[in-house]
Amino acid sequence: MTSPHSPDPDPDRVPGLEPGGSVPPGETPPGEGSAGSGTGPRHALPRGWAKGPLIIIGVVVVLCAAFFLIFAVLLDL
């Protein structure tokens, strides 16, 4: 069901609109506020990989290499 009242304002009754619904120059607010230098991270972010992920990747690589090495040895038997 639709209501008889539209949630949009009536363009004929909104201040600052010219006929046809256009906005005169100077009536439009700025698109966004300016961001000062106080935004963003407070300290320099570390570069490179952390030790934890590198250790986990190394363990996975060693386990995969050991699996294929054992598989190759057992295949020759």
PDB file of N, CA and C in Angstrom:
ATOM      1  N   MET A   1       0.838  -1.179   0.000  1.00  0.00           N
ATOM      2  CA  MET A   1       0.000   0.000   0.000  1.00  0.00           C
ATOM      3  C   MET A   1       0.882   1.241   0.000  1.00  0.00           C
ATOM      4  N   THR A   2       0.472   2.198  -0.766  1.00  0.00           N
ATOM      5  CA  THR A   2       1.219   3.448  -0.796  1.00  0.00           C
ATOM      6  C   THR A   2       0.429   4.508  -0.042  1.00  0.00           C
ATOM      7  N   SER A   3       1.142   5.380   0.601  1.00  0.00           N
ATOM      8  CA  SER A   3       0.471   6.463   1.325  1.00  0.00           C
ATOM      9  C   SER A   3       0.315   7.653   0.398  1.00  0.00           C
ATOM     10  N   PRO A   4      -0.635   8.517   0.688  1.00  0.00           N
ATOM     11  CA  PRO A   4      -0.844   9.678  -0.188  1.00  0.00           C
ATOM     12  C   PRO A   4       0.276  10.704  -0.066  1.00  0.00           C
ATOM     13  N   HIS A   5       1.096  10.600   0.991  1.00  0.00           N
ATOM     14  CA  HIS A   5       2.176  11.573   1.188  1.00  0.00           C
ATOM     15  C   HIS A   5       3.502  10.962   0.774  1.00  0.00           C
ATOM     16  N   SER A   6       4.252  11.679  -0.036  1.00  0.00           N
ATOM     17  CA  SER A   6       5.568  11.218  -0.469  1.00  0.00           C
ATOM     18  C   SER A   6       6.593  11.584   0.598  1.00  0.00           C
ATOM     19  N   PRO A   7       7.572  10.719   0.863  1.00  0.00           N
ATOM     20  CA  PRO A   7       8.602  11.081   1.834  1.00  0.00           C
ATOM     21  C   PRO A   7       9.549  12.155   1.307  1.00  0.00           C
ATOM     22  N   ASP A   8       9.525  12.388   0.000  1.00  0.00           N
ATOM     23  CA  ASP A   8      10.375  13.424  -0.575  1.00  0.00           C
ATOM     24  C   ASP A   8       9.730  14.789  -0.373  1.00  0.00           C
ATOM     25  N   PRO A   9      10.534  15.825  -0.134  1.00  0.00           N
ATOM     26  CA  PRO A   9       9.959  17.163   0.024  1.00  0.00           C
ATOM     27  C   PRO A   9       9.408  17.694  -1.294  1.00  0.00           C
ATOM     28  N   ASP A  10       8.434  18.545  -1.183  1.00  0.00           N
ATOM     29  CA  ASP A  10       7.828  19.166  -2.354  1.00  0.00           C
ATOM     30  C   ASP A  10       8.797  20.206  -2.910  1.00  0.00           C
ATOM     31  N   PRO A  11       9.263  20.067  -4.156  1.00  0.00           N
ATOM     32  CA  PRO A  11      10.232  21.022  -4.699  1.00  0.00           C
ATOM     33  C   PRO A  11       9.725  22.457  -4.730  1.00  0.00           C
ATOM     34  N   ASP A  12       8.398  22.650  -4.774  1.00  0.00           N
ATOM     35  CA  ASP A  12       7.866  24.013  -4.814  1.00  0.00           C
ATOM     36  C   ASP A  12       7.962  24.689  -3.447  1.00  0.00           C
ATOM     37  N   ARG A  13       8.108  23.917  -2.361  1.00  0.00           N
ATOM     38  CA  ARG A  13       8.116  24.498  -1.018  1.00  0.00           C
ATOM     39  C   ARG A  13       9.485  24.450  -0.342  1.00  0.00           C
ATOM     40  N   VAL A  14      10.509  23.930  -1.022  1.00  0.00           N
ATOM     41  CA  VAL A  14      11.845  23.832  -0.432  1.00  0.00           C
ATOM     42  C   VAL A  14      12.601  25.126  -0.716  1.00  0.00           C
ATOM     43  N   PRO A  15      13.145  25.784   0.330  1.00  0.00           N
ATOM     44  CA  PRO A  15      13.885  27.034   0.089  1.00  0.00           C
ATOM     45  C   PRO A  15      15.209  26.753  -0.626  1.00  0.00           C
ATOM     46  N   GLY A  16      15.626  27.659  -1.453  1.00  0.00           N
ATOM     47  CA  GLY A  16      16.899  27.546  -2.144  1.00  0.00           C
ATOM     48  C   GLY A  16      16.838  26.846  -3.485  1.00  0.00           C
ATOM     49  N   LEU A  17      15.659  26.408  -3.900  1.00  0.00           N
ATOM     50  CA  LEU A  17      15.544  25.758  -5.202  1.00  0.00           C
ATOM     51  C   LEU A  17      14.972  26.728  -6.222  1.00  0.00           C
ATOM     52  N   GLU A  18      15.520  26.665  -7.393  1.00  0.00           N
ATOM     53  CA  GLU A  18      14.994  27.464  -8.483  1.00  0.00           C
ATOM     54  C   GLU A  18      13.885  26.671  -9.161  1.00  0.00           C
ATOM     55  N   PRO A  19      13.089  27.302  -9.990  1.00  0.00           N
ATOM     56  CA  PRO A  19      12.061  26.565 -10.716  1.00  0.00           C
ATOM     57  C   PRO A  19      12.689  25.430 -11.529  1.00  0.00           C
ATOM     58  N   GLY A  20      12.065  24.287 -11.458  1.00  0.00           N
ATOM     59  CA  GLY A  20      12.611  23.116 -12.144  1.00  0.00           C
ATOM     60  C   GLY A  20      13.435  22.243 -11.224  1.00  0.00           C
ATOM     61  N   GLY A  21      13.702  22.698 -10.007  1.00  0.00           N
ATOM     62  CA  GLY A  21      14.408  21.881  -9.032  1.00  0.00           C
ATOM     63  C   GLY A  21      15.912  22.064  -8.990  1.00  0.00           C
ATOM     64  N   SER A  22      16.463  22.979  -9.787  1.00  0.00           N
ATOM     65  CA  SER A  22      17.915  23.167  -9.748  1.00  0.00           C
ATOM     66  C   SER A  22      18.302  24.055  -8.565  1.00  0.00           C
ATOM     67  N   VAL A  23      19.554  23.966  -8.181  1.00  0.00           N
ATOM     68  CA  VAL A  23      20.063  24.720  -7.032  1.00  0.00           C
ATOM     69  C   VAL A  23      20.920  25.860  -7.546  1.00  0.00           C
ATOM     70  N   PRO A  24      20.702  27.075  -7.057  1.00  0.00           N
ATOM     71  CA  PRO A  24      21.528  28.191  -7.502  1.00  0.00           C
ATOM     72  C   PRO A  24      22.949  28.079  -6.960  1.00  0.00           C
ATOM     73  N   PRO A  25      23.920  28.686  -7.629  1.00  0.00           N
ATOM     74  CA  PRO A  25      25.301  28.643  -7.157  1.00  0.00           C
ATOM     75  C   PRO A  25      25.414  29.210  -5.743  1.00  0.00           C
ATOM     76  N   GLY A  26      26.235  28.596  -4.924  1.00  0.00           N
ATOM     77  CA  GLY A  26      26.426  29.065  -3.563  1.00  0.00           C
ATOM     78  C   GLY A  26      25.494  28.415  -2.549  1.00  0.00           C
ATOM     79  N   GLU A  27      24.461  27.710  -2.994  1.00  0.00           N
ATOM     80  CA  GLU A  27      23.512  27.066  -2.094  1.00  0.00           C
ATOM     81  C   GLU A  27      23.941  25.657  -1.714  1.00  0.00           C
ATOM     82  N   THR A  28      24.805  25.058  -2.517  1.00  0.00           N
ATOM     83  CA  THR A  28      25.199  23.677  -2.280  1.00  0.00           C
ATOM     84  C   THR A  28      26.317  23.628  -1.244  1.00  0.00           C
ATOM     85  N   PRO A  29      26.175  22.814  -0.204  1.00  0.00           N
ATOM     86  CA  PRO A  29      27.258  22.699   0.773  1.00  0.00           C
ATOM     87  C   PRO A  29      28.433  21.923   0.171  1.00  0.00           C
ATOM     88  N   PRO A  30      29.613  22.017   0.763  1.00  0.00           N
ATOM     89  CA  PRO A  30      30.744  21.265   0.224  1.00  0.00           C
ATOM     90  C   PRO A  30      30.479  19.766   0.291  1.00  0.00           C
ATOM     91  N   GLY A  31      31.078  19.018  -0.615  1.00  0.00           N
ATOM     92  CA  GLY A  31      30.858  17.584  -0.710  1.00  0.00           C
ATOM     93  C   GLY A  31      31.288  16.825   0.522  1.00  0.00           C
ATOM     94  N   GLU A  32      32.389  17.208   1.132  1.00  0.00           N
ATOM     95  CA  GLU A  32      32.863  16.540   2.333  1.00  0.00           C
ATOM     96  C   GLU A  32      33.763  17.492   3.102  1.00  0.00           C
ATOM     97  N   GLY A  33      33.916  17.221   4.368  1.00  0.00           N
ATOM     98  CA  GLY A  33      34.784  18.053   5.191  1.00  0.00           C
ATOM     99  C   GLY A  33      36.239  17.737   4.917  1.00  0.00           C
ATOM    100  N   SER A  34      37.083  18.676   5.225  1.00  0.00           N
ATOM    101  CA  SER A  34      38.508  18.432   5.029  1.00  0.00           C
ATOM    102  C   SER A  34      39.050  17.606   6.174  1.00  0.00           C
ATOM    103  N   ALA A  35      40.031  16.801   5.885  1.00  0.00           N
ATOM    104  CA  ALA A  35      40.665  15.970   6.904  1.00  0.00           C
ATOM    105  C   ALA A  35      41.976  16.621   7.302  1.00  0.00           C
ATOM    106  N   GLY A  36      42.144  16.839   8.578  1.00  0.00           N
ATOM    107  CA  GLY A  36      43.372  17.440   9.069  1.00  0.00           C
ATOM    108  C   GLY A  36      44.484  16.420   9.162  1.00  0.00           C
ATOM    109  N   SER A  37      45.630  16.862   9.636  1.00  0.00           N
ATOM    110  CA  SER A  37      46.771  15.960   9.751  1.00  0.00           C
ATOM    111  C   SER A  37      46.637  15.027  10.948  1.00  0.00           C
ATOM    112  N   GLY A  38      45.622  15.225  11.793  1.00  0.00           N
ATOM    113  CA  GLY A  38      45.449  14.387  12.966  1.00  0.00           C
ATOM    114  C   GLY A  38      44.794  13.051  12.662  1.00  0.00           C
ATOM    115  N   THR A  39      44.385  12.823  11.418  1.00  0.00           N
ATOM    116  CA  THR A  39      43.750  11.551  11.087  1.00  0.00           C
ATOM    117  C   THR A  39      44.786  10.554  10.621  1.00  0.00           C
ATOM    118  N   GLY A  40      44.426   9.302  10.645  1.00  0.00           N
ATOM    119  CA  GLY A  40      45.331   8.266  10.177  1.00  0.00           C
ATOM    120  C   GLY A  40      46.068   7.610  11.334  1.00  0.00           C
ATOM    121  N   PRO A  41      46.983   6.693  11.020  1.00  0.00           N
ATOM    122  CA  PRO A  41      47.701   5.995  12.089  1.00  0.00           C
ATOM    123  C   PRO A  41      48.594   6.947  12.876  1.00  0.00           C
ATOM    124  N   ARG A  42      48.714   6.694  14.165  1.00  0.00           N
ATOM    125  CA  ARG A  42      49.513   7.557  15.040  1.00  0.00           C
ATOM    126  C   ARG A  42      50.995   7.214  14.981  1.00  0.00           C
ATOM    127  N   HIS A  43      51.328   6.026  14.538  1.00  0.00           N
ATOM    128  CA  HIS A  43      52.722   5.618  14.452  1.00  0.00           C
ATOM    129  C   HIS A  43      52.963   4.955  13.100  1.00  0.00           C
ATOM    130  N   ALA A  44      54.220   4.865  12.745  1.00  0.00           N
ATOM    131  CA  ALA A  44      54.549   4.247  11.457  1.00  0.00           C
ATOM    132  C   ALA A  44      54.211   2.761  11.510  1.00  0.00           C
ATOM    133  N   LEU A  45      53.578   2.265  10.470  1.00  0.00           N
ATOM    134  CA  LEU A  45      53.218   0.862  10.402  1.00  0.00           C
ATOM    135  C   LEU A  45      54.454   0.037  10.066  1.00  0.00           C
ATOM    136  N   PRO A  46      54.583  -1.153  10.656  1.00  0.00           N
ATOM    137  CA  PRO A  46      55.746  -1.984  10.354  1.00  0.00           C
ATOM    138  C   PRO A  46      55.684  -2.506   8.916  1.00  0.00           C
ATOM    139  N   ARG A  47      56.837  -2.689   8.341  1.00  0.00           N
ATOM    140  CA  ARG A  47      56.907  -3.189   6.975  1.00  0.00           C
ATOM    141  C   ARG A  47      57.338  -4.646   6.986  1.00  0.00           C
ATOM    142  N   GLY A  48      56.970  -5.358   5.970  1.00  0.00           N
ATOM    143  CA  GLY A  48      57.394  -6.737   5.830  1.00  0.00           C
ATOM    144  C   GLY A  48      56.474  -7.703   6.556  1.00  0.00           C
ATOM    145  N   TRP A  49      56.885  -8.956   6.574  1.00  0.00           N
ATOM    146  CA  TRP A  49      56.094 -10.020   7.172  1.00  0.00           C
ATOM    147  C   TRP A  49      56.432 -10.140   8.646  1.00  0.00           C
ATOM    148  N   ALA A  50      55.449 -10.546   9.414  1.00  0.00           N
ATOM    149  CA  ALA A  50      55.675 -10.841  10.822  1.00  0.00           C
ATOM    150  C   ALA A  50      56.315 -12.225  10.937  1.00  0.00           C
ATOM    151  N   LYS A  51      56.915 -12.503  12.088  1.00  0.00           N
ATOM    152  CA  LYS A  51      57.611 -13.776  12.263  1.00  0.00           C
ATOM    153  C   LYS A  51      56.645 -14.951  12.289  1.00  0.00           C
ATOM    154  N   GLY A  52      55.466 -14.793  12.877  1.00  0.00           N
ATOM    155  CA  GLY A  52      54.505 -15.887  12.993  1.00  0.00           C
ATOM    156  C   GLY A  52      54.084 -16.472  11.657  1.00  0.00           C
ATOM    157  N   PRO A  53      53.595 -15.653  10.729  1.00  0.00           N
ATOM    158  CA  PRO A  53      53.195 -16.204   9.424  1.00  0.00           C
ATOM    159  C   PRO A  53      54.356 -16.838   8.663  1.00  0.00           C
ATOM    160  N   LEU A  54      55.565 -16.266   8.781  1.00  0.00           N
ATOM    161  CA  LEU A  54      56.707 -16.857   8.085  1.00  0.00           C
ATOM    162  C   LEU A  54      57.042 -18.232   8.654  1.00  0.00           C
ATOM    163  N   ILE A  55      56.946 -18.394   9.966  1.00  0.00           N
ATOM    164  CA  ILE A  55      57.214 -19.694  10.582  1.00  0.00           C
ATOM    165  C   ILE A  55      56.174 -20.716  10.133  1.00  0.00           C
ATOM    166  N   ILE A  56      54.914 -20.316  10.121  1.00  0.00           N
ATOM    167  CA  ILE A  56      53.848 -21.234   9.698  1.00  0.00           C
ATOM    168  C   ILE A  56      54.038 -21.650   8.244  1.00  0.00           C
ATOM    169  N   ILE A  57      54.368 -20.724   7.372  1.00  0.00           N
ATOM    170  CA  ILE A  57      54.597 -21.042   5.962  1.00  0.00           C
ATOM    171  C   ILE A  57      55.797 -21.976   5.825  1.00  0.00           C
ATOM    172  N   GLY A  58      56.845 -21.718   6.582  1.00  0.00           N
ATOM    173  CA  GLY A  58      58.023 -22.582   6.534  1.00  0.00           C
ATOM    174  C   GLY A  58      57.708 -24.005   6.974  1.00  0.00           C
ATOM    175  N   VAL A  59      56.918 -24.154   8.040  1.00  0.00           N
ATOM    176  CA  VAL A  59      56.543 -25.486   8.526  1.00  0.00           C
ATOM    177  C   VAL A  59      55.712 -26.213   7.476  1.00  0.00           C
ATOM    178  N   VAL A  60      54.778 -25.524   6.846  1.00  0.00           N
ATOM    179  CA  VAL A  60      53.940 -26.151   5.812  1.00  0.00           C
ATOM    180  C   VAL A  60      54.801 -26.594   4.630  1.00  0.00           C
ATOM    181  N   VAL A  61      55.758 -25.780   4.218  1.00  0.00           N
ATOM    182  CA  VAL A  61      56.634 -26.138   3.098  1.00  0.00           C
ATOM    183  C   VAL A  61      57.468 -27.365   3.448  1.00  0.00           C
ATOM    184  N   VAL A  62      58.031 -27.391   4.668  1.00  0.00           N
ATOM    185  CA  VAL A  62      58.844 -28.540   5.084  1.00  0.00           C
ATOM    186  C   VAL A  62      57.989 -29.801   5.146  1.00  0.00           C
ATOM    187  N   LEU A  63      56.783 -29.724   5.674  1.00  0.00           N
ATOM    188  CA  LEU A  63      55.906 -30.888   5.740  1.00  0.00           C
ATOM    189  C   LEU A  63      55.527 -31.394   4.350  1.00  0.00           C
ATOM    190  N   CYS A  64      55.240 -30.489   3.436  1.00  0.00           N
ATOM    191  CA  CYS A  64      54.911 -30.902   2.063  1.00  0.00           C
ATOM    192  C   CYS A  64      56.115 -31.556   1.389  1.00  0.00           C
ATOM    193  N   ALA A  65      57.295 -30.966   1.561  1.00  0.00           N
ATOM    194  CA  ALA A  65      58.500 -31.553   0.969  1.00  0.00           C
ATOM    195  C   ALA A  65      58.768 -32.925   1.566  1.00  0.00           C
ATOM    196  N   ALA A  66      58.600 -33.089   2.872  1.00  0.00           N
ATOM    197  CA  ALA A  66      58.816 -34.390   3.520  1.00  0.00           C
ATOM    198  C   ALA A  66      57.802 -35.405   3.007  1.00  0.00           C
ATOM    199  N   PHE A  67      56.563 -35.008   2.839  1.00  0.00           N
ATOM    200  CA  PHE A  67      55.547 -35.920   2.316  1.00  0.00           C
ATOM    201  C   PHE A  67      55.928 -36.442   0.943  1.00  0.00           C
ATOM    202  N   PHE A  68      56.305 -35.540   0.042  1.00  0.00           N
ATOM    203  CA  PHE A  68      56.643 -35.967  -1.312  1.00  0.00           C
ATOM    204  C   PHE A  68      57.937 -36.776  -1.346  1.00  0.00           C
ATOM    205  N   LEU A  69      58.878 -36.472  -0.456  1.00  0.00           N
ATOM    206  CA  LEU A  69      60.110 -37.242  -0.388  1.00  0.00           C
ATOM    207  C   LEU A  69      59.817 -38.669   0.088  1.00  0.00           C
ATOM    208  N   ILE A  70      59.020 -38.791   1.126  1.00  0.00           N
ATOM    209  CA  ILE A  70      58.644 -40.117   1.633  1.00  0.00           C
ATOM    210  C   ILE A  70      57.822 -40.870   0.581  1.00  0.00           C
ATOM    211  N   PHE A  71      56.931 -40.194  -0.099  1.00  0.00           N
ATOM    212  CA  PHE A  71      56.124 -40.823  -1.140  1.00  0.00           C
ATOM    213  C   PHE A  71      57.018 -41.352  -2.264  1.00  0.00           C
ATOM    214  N   ALA A  72      58.028 -40.566  -2.652  1.00  0.00           N
ATOM    215  CA  ALA A  72      58.929 -40.984  -3.719  1.00  0.00           C
ATOM    216  C   ALA A  72      59.767 -42.184  -3.290  1.00  0.00           C
ATOM    217  N   VAL A  73      60.201 -42.212  -2.023  1.00  0.00           N
ATOM    218  CA  VAL A  73      60.990 -43.343  -1.530  1.00  0.00           C
ATOM    219  C   VAL A  73      60.133 -44.588  -1.467  1.00  0.00           C
ATOM    220  N   LEU A  74      58.909 -44.488  -0.974  1.00  0.00           N
ATOM    221  CA  LEU A  74      58.024 -45.651  -0.873  1.00  0.00           C
ATOM    222  C   LEU A  74      57.578 -46.138  -2.246  1.00  0.00           C
ATOM    223  N   LEU A  75      57.506 -45.259  -3.229  1.00  0.00           N
ATOM    224  CA  LEU A  75      57.093 -45.642  -4.573  1.00  0.00           C
ATOM    225  C   LEU A  75      58.146 -46.516  -5.238  1.00  0.00           C
ATOM    226  N   ASP A  76      59.423 -46.277  -4.904  1.00  0.00           N
ATOM    227  CA  ASP A  76      60.515 -47.057  -5.480  1.00  0.00           C
ATOM    228  C   ASP A  76      60.606 -48.450  -4.868  1.00  0.00           C
ATOM    229  N   LEU A  77      60.006 -48.710  -3.732  1.00  0.00           N
ATOM    230  CA  LEU A  77      60.108 -50.032  -3.073  1.00  0.00           C
ATOM    231  C   LEU A  77      59.290 -51.062  -3.744  1.00  0.00           C
TER     232      LEU A  77
END
